[in-house]
PDB file of all heavy atoms in Angstrom:
ATOM      1  N   GLY A   1     -58.039  18.746  -7.573  1.00  0.00           N
ATOM      2  CA  GLY A   1     -57.553  17.410  -7.903  1.00  0.00           C
ATOM      3  C   GLY A   1     -58.272  16.724  -9.045  1.00  0.00           C
ATOM      4  O   GLY A   1     -57.936  15.601  -9.406  1.00  0.00           O
ATOM      5  N   SER A   2     -59.248  17.371  -9.639  1.00  0.00           N
ATOM      6  CA  SER A   2     -59.998  16.751 -10.726  1.00  0.00           C
ATOM      7  C   SER A   2     -59.119  16.564 -11.966  1.00  0.00           C
ATOM      8  O   SER A   2     -58.354  17.453 -12.332  1.00  0.00           O
ATOM      9  CB  SER A   2     -61.202  17.629 -11.098  1.00  0.00           C
ATOM     10  OG  SER A   2     -61.821  17.120 -12.261  1.00  0.00           O
ATOM     11  N   PRO A   3     -59.268  15.436 -12.652  1.00  0.00           N
ATOM     12  CA  PRO A   3     -58.558  15.231 -13.914  1.00  0.00           C
ATOM     13  C   PRO A   3     -59.301  15.837 -15.110  1.00  0.00           C
ATOM     14  O   PRO A   3     -58.813  15.793 -16.230  1.00  0.00           O
ATOM     15  CB  PRO A   3     -58.473  13.712 -14.025  1.00  0.00           C
ATOM     16  CG  PRO A   3     -59.710  13.236 -13.331  1.00  0.00           C
ATOM     17  CD  PRO A   3     -59.941  14.221 -12.209  1.00  0.00           C
ATOM     18  N   ASP A   4     -60.471  16.403 -14.867  1.00  0.00           N
ATOM     19  CA  ASP A   4     -61.292  16.978 -15.935  1.00  0.00           C
ATOM     20  C   ASP A   4     -60.848  18.416 -16.207  1.00  0.00           C
ATOM     21  O   ASP A   4     -61.430  19.378 -15.715  1.00  0.00           O
ATOM     22  CB  ASP A   4     -62.772  16.927 -15.551  1.00  0.00           C
ATOM     23  CG  ASP A   4     -63.688  17.331 -16.694  1.00  0.00           C
ATOM     24  OD1 ASP A   4     -63.220  17.415 -17.847  1.00  0.00           O
ATOM     25  OD2 ASP A   4     -64.886  17.561 -16.421  1.00  0.00           O
ATOM     26  N   THR A   5     -59.747  18.547 -16.956  1.00  0.00           N
ATOM     27  CA  THR A   5     -59.148  19.850 -17.225  1.00  0.00           C
ATOM     28  C   THR A   5     -58.947  20.035 -18.723  1.00  0.00           C
ATOM     29  O   THR A   5     -58.977  19.069 -19.489  1.00  0.00           O
ATOM     30  CB  THR A   5     -57.783  19.989 -16.522  1.00  0.00           C
ATOM     31  OG1 THR A   5     -56.903  18.973 -17.007  1.00  0.00           O
ATOM     32  CG2 THR A   5     -57.928  19.890 -15.012  1.00  0.00           C
ATOM     33  N   GLU A   6     -58.737  21.288 -19.109  1.00  0.00           N
ATOM     34  CA  GLU A   6     -58.483  21.585 -20.521  1.00  0.00           C
ATOM     35  C   GLU A   6     -57.443  22.691 -20.635  1.00  0.00           C
ATOM     36  O   GLU A   6     -57.374  23.580 -19.788  1.00  0.00           O
ATOM     37  CB  GLU A   6     -59.763  22.013 -21.224  1.00  0.00           C
ATOM     38  CG  GLU A   6     -60.372  23.302 -20.668  1.00  0.00           C
ATOM     39  CD  GLU A   6     -61.660  23.706 -21.356  1.00  0.00           C
ATOM     40  OE1 GLU A   6     -61.871  23.315 -22.509  1.00  0.00           O
ATOM     41  OE2 GLU A   6     -62.450  24.415 -20.715  1.00  0.00           O
ATOM     42  N   GLU A   7     -56.651  22.612 -21.697  1.00  0.00           N
ATOM     43  CA  GLU A   7     -55.679  23.658 -21.952  1.00  0.00           C
ATOM     44  C   GLU A   7     -56.380  24.807 -22.664  1.00  0.00           C
ATOM     45  O   GLU A   7     -57.042  24.605 -23.685  1.00  0.00           O
ATOM     46  CB  GLU A   7     -54.533  23.129 -22.820  1.00  0.00           C
ATOM     47  CG  GLU A   7     -53.433  24.145 -23.027  1.00  0.00           C
ATOM     48  CD  GLU A   7     -52.253  23.596 -23.817  1.00  0.00           C
ATOM     49  OE1 GLU A   7     -52.484  22.944 -24.854  1.00  0.00           O
ATOM     50  OE2 GLU A   7     -51.115  23.824 -23.398  1.00  0.00           O
ATOM     51  N   LEU A   8     -56.240  26.010 -22.111  1.00  0.00           N
ATOM     52  CA  LEU A   8     -56.839  27.191 -22.724  1.00  0.00           C
ATOM     53  C   LEU A   8     -55.870  27.868 -23.685  1.00  0.00           C
ATOM     54  O   LEU A   8     -56.274  28.386 -24.718  1.00  0.00           O
ATOM     55  CB  LEU A   8     -57.261  28.201 -21.654  1.00  0.00           C
ATOM     56  CG  LEU A   8     -58.347  27.749 -20.682  1.00  0.00           C
ATOM     57  CD1 LEU A   8     -58.606  28.834 -19.648  1.00  0.00           C
ATOM     58  CD2 LEU A   8     -59.616  27.395 -21.427  1.00  0.00           C
ATOM     59  N   SER A   9     -54.593  27.887 -23.310  1.00  0.00           N
ATOM     60  CA  SER A   9     -53.578  28.535 -24.133  1.00  0.00           C
ATOM     61  C   SER A   9     -52.232  27.879 -23.884  1.00  0.00           C
ATOM     62  O   SER A   9     -51.884  27.609 -22.729  1.00  0.00           O
ATOM     63  CB  SER A   9     -53.486  30.027 -23.802  1.00  0.00           C
ATOM     64  OG  SER A   9     -52.411  30.614 -24.505  1.00  0.00           O
ATOM     65  N   ARG A  10     -51.485  27.649 -24.928  1.00  0.00           N
ATOM     66  CA  ARG A  10     -50.134  27.093 -24.802  1.00  0.00           C
ATOM     67  C   ARG A  10     -49.209  28.101 -24.126  1.00  0.00           C
ATOM     68  O   ARG A  10     -48.140  27.765 -23.663  1.00  0.00           O
ATOM     69  CB  ARG A  10     -49.621  26.720 -26.199  1.00  0.00           C
ATOM     70  CG  ARG A  10     -48.277  26.107 -26.219  1.00  0.00           C
ATOM     71  CD  ARG A  10     -48.329  24.645 -25.780  1.00  0.00           C
ATOM     72  NE  ARG A  10     -46.999  24.084 -25.869  1.00  0.00           N
ATOM     73  CZ  ARG A  10     -46.409  23.428 -24.902  1.00  0.00           C
ATOM     74  NH1 ARG A  10     -47.044  23.185 -23.787  1.00  0.00           N
ATOM     75  NH2 ARG A  10     -45.197  22.975 -25.045  1.00  0.00           N
ATOM     76  N   PHE A  11     -49.645  29.351 -24.053  1.00  0.00           N
ATOM     77  CA  PHE A  11     -48.833  30.418 -23.485  1.00  0.00           C
ATOM     78  C   PHE A  11     -49.464  30.915 -22.192  1.00  0.00           C
ATOM     79  O   PHE A  11     -50.604  31.346 -22.182  1.00  0.00           O
ATOM     80  CB  PHE A  11     -48.680  31.558 -24.491  1.00  0.00           C
ATOM     81  CG  PHE A  11     -48.152  31.057 -25.809  1.00  0.00           C
ATOM     82  CD1 PHE A  11     -49.005  30.813 -26.874  1.00  0.00           C
ATOM     83  CD2 PHE A  11     -46.803  30.792 -25.962  1.00  0.00           C
ATOM     84  CE1 PHE A  11     -48.520  30.328 -28.076  1.00  0.00           C
ATOM     85  CE2 PHE A  11     -46.304  30.303 -27.159  1.00  0.00           C
ATOM     86  CZ  PHE A  11     -47.169  30.071 -28.221  1.00  0.00           C
ATOM     87  N   GLY A  12     -48.684  30.847 -21.098  1.00  0.00           N
ATOM     88  CA  GLY A  12     -49.169  31.287 -19.794  1.00  0.00           C
ATOM     89  C   GLY A  12     -48.537  32.605 -19.393  1.00  0.00           C
ATOM     90  O   GLY A  12     -48.000  33.339 -20.223  1.00  0.00           O
ATOM     91  N   SER A  13     -48.552  32.867 -18.101  1.00  0.00           N
ATOM     92  CA  SER A  13     -48.015  34.127 -17.595  1.00  0.00           C
ATOM     93  C   SER A  13     -46.494  34.180 -17.671  1.00  0.00           C
ATOM     94  O   SER A  13     -45.904  35.261 -17.627  1.00  0.00           O
ATOM     95  CB  SER A  13     -48.467  34.346 -16.153  1.00  0.00           C
ATOM     96  OG  SER A  13     -48.012  33.266 -15.346  1.00  0.00           O
ATOM     97  N   THR A  14     -45.854  33.037 -17.773  1.00  0.00           N
ATOM     98  CA  THR A  14     -44.408  32.974 -17.994  1.00  0.00           C
ATOM     99  C   THR A  14     -44.164  32.080 -19.198  1.00  0.00           C
ATOM    100  O   THR A  14     -45.028  31.282 -19.581  1.00  0.00           O
ATOM    101  CB  THR A  14     -43.657  32.401 -16.777  1.00  0.00           C
ATOM    102  OG1 THR A  14     -44.014  31.038 -16.607  1.00  0.00           O
ATOM    103  CG2 THR A  14     -43.958  33.185 -15.511  1.00  0.00           C
ATOM    104  N   ALA A  15     -42.989  32.179 -19.765  1.00  0.00           N
ATOM    105  CA  ALA A  15     -42.680  31.419 -20.980  1.00  0.00           C
ATOM    106  C   ALA A  15     -42.650  29.915 -20.740  1.00  0.00           C
ATOM    107  O   ALA A  15     -42.852  29.138 -21.668  1.00  0.00           O
ATOM    108  CB  ALA A  15     -41.352  31.883 -21.544  1.00  0.00           C
ATOM    109  N   CYS A  16     -42.445  29.490 -19.496  1.00  0.00           N
ATOM    110  CA  CYS A  16     -42.360  28.055 -19.222  1.00  0.00           C
ATOM    111  C   CYS A  16     -43.673  27.462 -18.706  1.00  0.00           C
ATOM    112  O   CYS A  16     -43.715  26.324 -18.270  1.00  0.00           O
ATOM    113  CB  CYS A  16     -41.225  27.769 -18.248  1.00  0.00           C
ATOM    114  SG  CYS A  16     -41.371  28.614 -16.668  1.00  0.00           S
ATOM    115  N   THR A  17     -44.764  28.232 -18.768  1.00  0.00           N
ATOM    116  CA  THR A  17     -46.059  27.706 -18.341  1.00  0.00           C
ATOM    117  C   THR A  17     -47.103  27.869 -19.441  1.00  0.00           C
ATOM    118  O   THR A  17     -46.964  28.697 -20.332  1.00  0.00           O
ATOM    119  CB  THR A  17     -46.589  28.416 -17.071  1.00  0.00           C
ATOM    120  OG1 THR A  17     -46.758  29.808 -17.336  1.00  0.00           O
ATOM    121  CG2 THR A  17     -45.655  28.219 -15.887  1.00  0.00           C
ATOM    122  N   SER A  18     -48.140  27.046 -19.353  1.00  0.00           N
ATOM    123  CA  SER A  18     -49.308  27.174 -20.230  1.00  0.00           C
ATOM    124  C   SER A  18     -50.521  27.412 -19.325  1.00  0.00           C
ATOM    125  O   SER A  18     -50.466  27.178 -18.123  1.00  0.00           O
ATOM    126  CB  SER A  18     -49.489  25.908 -21.074  1.00  0.00           C
ATOM    127  OG  SER A  18     -49.544  24.753 -20.263  1.00  0.00           O
ATOM    128  N   LEU A  19     -51.619  27.877 -19.903  1.00  0.00           N
ATOM    129  CA  LEU A  19     -52.813  28.201 -19.115  1.00  0.00           C
ATOM    130  C   LEU A  19     -53.856  27.099 -19.281  1.00  0.00           C
ATOM    131  O   LEU A  19     -54.217  26.741 -20.403  1.00  0.00           O
ATOM    132  CB  LEU A  19     -53.393  29.548 -19.563  1.00  0.00           C
ATOM    133  CG  LEU A  19     -54.635  30.023 -18.808  1.00  0.00           C
ATOM    134  CD1 LEU A  19     -54.332  30.196 -17.321  1.00  0.00           C
ATOM    135  CD2 LEU A  19     -55.150  31.325 -19.400  1.00  0.00           C
ATOM    136  N   TRP A  20     -54.324  26.585 -18.159  1.00  0.00           N
ATOM    137  CA  TRP A  20     -55.311  25.512 -18.133  1.00  0.00           C
ATOM    138  C   TRP A  20     -56.521  25.944 -17.308  1.00  0.00           C
ATOM    139  O   TRP A  20     -56.455  26.894 -16.535  1.00  0.00           O
ATOM    140  CB  TRP A  20     -54.700  24.254 -17.499  1.00  0.00           C
ATOM    141  CG  TRP A  20     -53.741  23.573 -18.416  1.00  0.00           C
ATOM    142  CD1 TRP A  20     -52.515  24.023 -18.810  1.00  0.00           C
ATOM    143  CD2 TRP A  20     -53.918  22.323 -19.059  1.00  0.00           C
ATOM    144  NE1 TRP A  20     -51.929  23.135 -19.656  1.00  0.00           N
ATOM    145  CE2 TRP A  20     -52.760  22.070 -19.828  1.00  0.00           C
ATOM    146  CE3 TRP A  20     -54.942  21.376 -19.062  1.00  0.00           C
ATOM    147  CZ2 TRP A  20     -52.606  20.921 -20.584  1.00  0.00           C
ATOM    148  CZ3 TRP A  20     -54.775  20.230 -19.810  1.00  0.00           C
ATOM    149  CH2 TRP A  20     -53.629  20.010 -20.571  1.00  0.00           C
ATOM    150  N   ARG A  21     -57.634  25.190 -17.449  1.00  0.00           N
ATOM    151  CA  ARG A  21     -58.838  25.425 -16.636  1.00  0.00           C
ATOM    152  C   ARG A  21     -59.395  24.074 -16.211  1.00  0.00           C
ATOM    153  O   ARG A  21     -59.397  23.116 -16.985  1.00  0.00           O
ATOM    154  CB  ARG A  21     -59.887  26.189 -17.435  1.00  0.00           C
ATOM    155  CG  ARG A  21     -61.200  26.357 -16.659  1.00  0.00           C
ATOM    156  CD  ARG A  21     -62.240  27.181 -17.375  1.00  0.00           C
ATOM    157  NE  ARG A  21     -62.490  26.668 -18.715  1.00  0.00           N
ATOM    158  CZ  ARG A  21     -62.849  27.419 -19.757  1.00  0.00           C
ATOM    159  NH1 ARG A  21     -63.002  28.710 -19.615  1.00  0.00           N
ATOM    160  NH2 ARG A  21     -63.061  26.884 -20.932  1.00  0.00           N
ATOM    161  N   CYS A  22     -59.889  24.059 -14.986  1.00  0.00           N
ATOM    162  CA  CYS A  22     -60.535  22.869 -14.461  1.00  0.00           C
ATOM    163  C   CYS A  22     -62.019  22.948 -14.804  1.00  0.00           C
ATOM    164  O   CYS A  22     -62.666  23.955 -14.521  1.00  0.00           O
ATOM    165  CB  CYS A  22     -60.337  22.794 -12.952  1.00  0.00           C
ATOM    166  SG  CYS A  22     -61.175  21.384 -12.186  1.00  0.00           S
ATOM    167  N   ARG A  23     -62.542  21.921 -15.399  1.00  0.00           N
ATOM    168  CA  ARG A  23     -63.975  21.893 -15.725  1.00  0.00           C
ATOM    169  C   ARG A  23     -64.822  21.618 -14.485  1.00  0.00           C
ATOM    170  O   ARG A  23     -65.988  21.997 -14.438  1.00  0.00           O
ATOM    171  CB  ARG A  23     -64.239  20.836 -16.789  1.00  0.00           C
ATOM    172  CG  ARG A  23     -63.684  21.187 -18.144  1.00  0.00           C
ATOM    173  CD  ARG A  23     -64.091  20.131 -19.181  1.00  0.00           C
ATOM    174  NE  ARG A  23     -63.518  20.411 -20.467  1.00  0.00           N
ATOM    175  CZ  ARG A  23     -62.626  19.631 -21.087  1.00  0.00           C
ATOM    176  NH1 ARG A  23     -62.246  18.498 -20.527  1.00  0.00           N
ATOM    177  NH2 ARG A  23     -62.150  19.958 -22.259  1.00  0.00           N
ATOM    178  N   ALA A  24     -64.236  20.982 -13.470  1.00  0.00           N
ATOM    179  CA  ALA A  24     -64.988  20.650 -12.259  1.00  0.00           C
ATOM    180  C   ALA A  24     -65.186  21.874 -11.365  1.00  0.00           C
ATOM    181  O   ALA A  24     -66.306  22.158 -10.945  1.00  0.00           O
ATOM    182  CB  ALA A  24     -64.277  19.548 -11.485  1.00  0.00           C
ATOM    183  N   CYS A  25     -64.098  22.622 -11.068  1.00  0.00           N
ATOM    184  CA  CYS A  25     -64.230  23.776 -10.170  1.00  0.00           C
ATOM    185  C   CYS A  25     -64.173  25.110 -10.927  1.00  0.00           C
ATOM    186  O   CYS A  25     -64.332  26.159 -10.318  1.00  0.00           O
ATOM    187  CB  CYS A  25     -63.162  23.736  -9.084  1.00  0.00           C
ATOM    188  SG  CYS A  25     -61.469  24.036  -9.637  1.00  0.00           S
ATOM    189  N   ALA A  26     -63.958  25.057 -12.229  1.00  0.00           N
ATOM    190  CA  ALA A  26     -63.947  26.225 -13.123  1.00  0.00           C
ATOM    191  C   ALA A  26     -62.788  27.190 -12.879  1.00  0.00           C
ATOM    192  O   ALA A  26     -62.795  28.304 -13.386  1.00  0.00           O
ATOM    193  CB  ALA A  26     -65.277  26.964 -13.076  1.00  0.00           C
ATOM    194  N   GLU A  27     -61.801  26.778 -12.100  1.00  0.00           N
ATOM    195  CA  GLU A  27     -60.662  27.646 -11.806  1.00  0.00           C
ATOM    196  C   GLU A  27     -59.583  27.514 -12.874  1.00  0.00           C
ATOM    197  O   GLU A  27     -59.232  26.402 -13.265  1.00  0.00           O
ATOM    198  CB  GLU A  27     -60.064  27.308 -10.441  1.00  0.00           C
ATOM    199  CG  GLU A  27     -60.922  27.742  -9.279  1.00  0.00           C
ATOM    200  CD  GLU A  27     -61.015  29.247  -9.149  1.00  0.00           C
ATOM    201  OE1 GLU A  27     -59.999  29.944  -9.338  1.00  0.00           O
ATOM    202  OE2 GLU A  27     -62.121  29.732  -8.858  1.00  0.00           O
TER     203      GLU A  27
END
């Protein structure tokens, strides 16, 4: 639930998703 996140890649595992990471839990 942390708002402290960052986008890692505009391209995710599917064309309609992007890849993000949480800075709080590192997931």
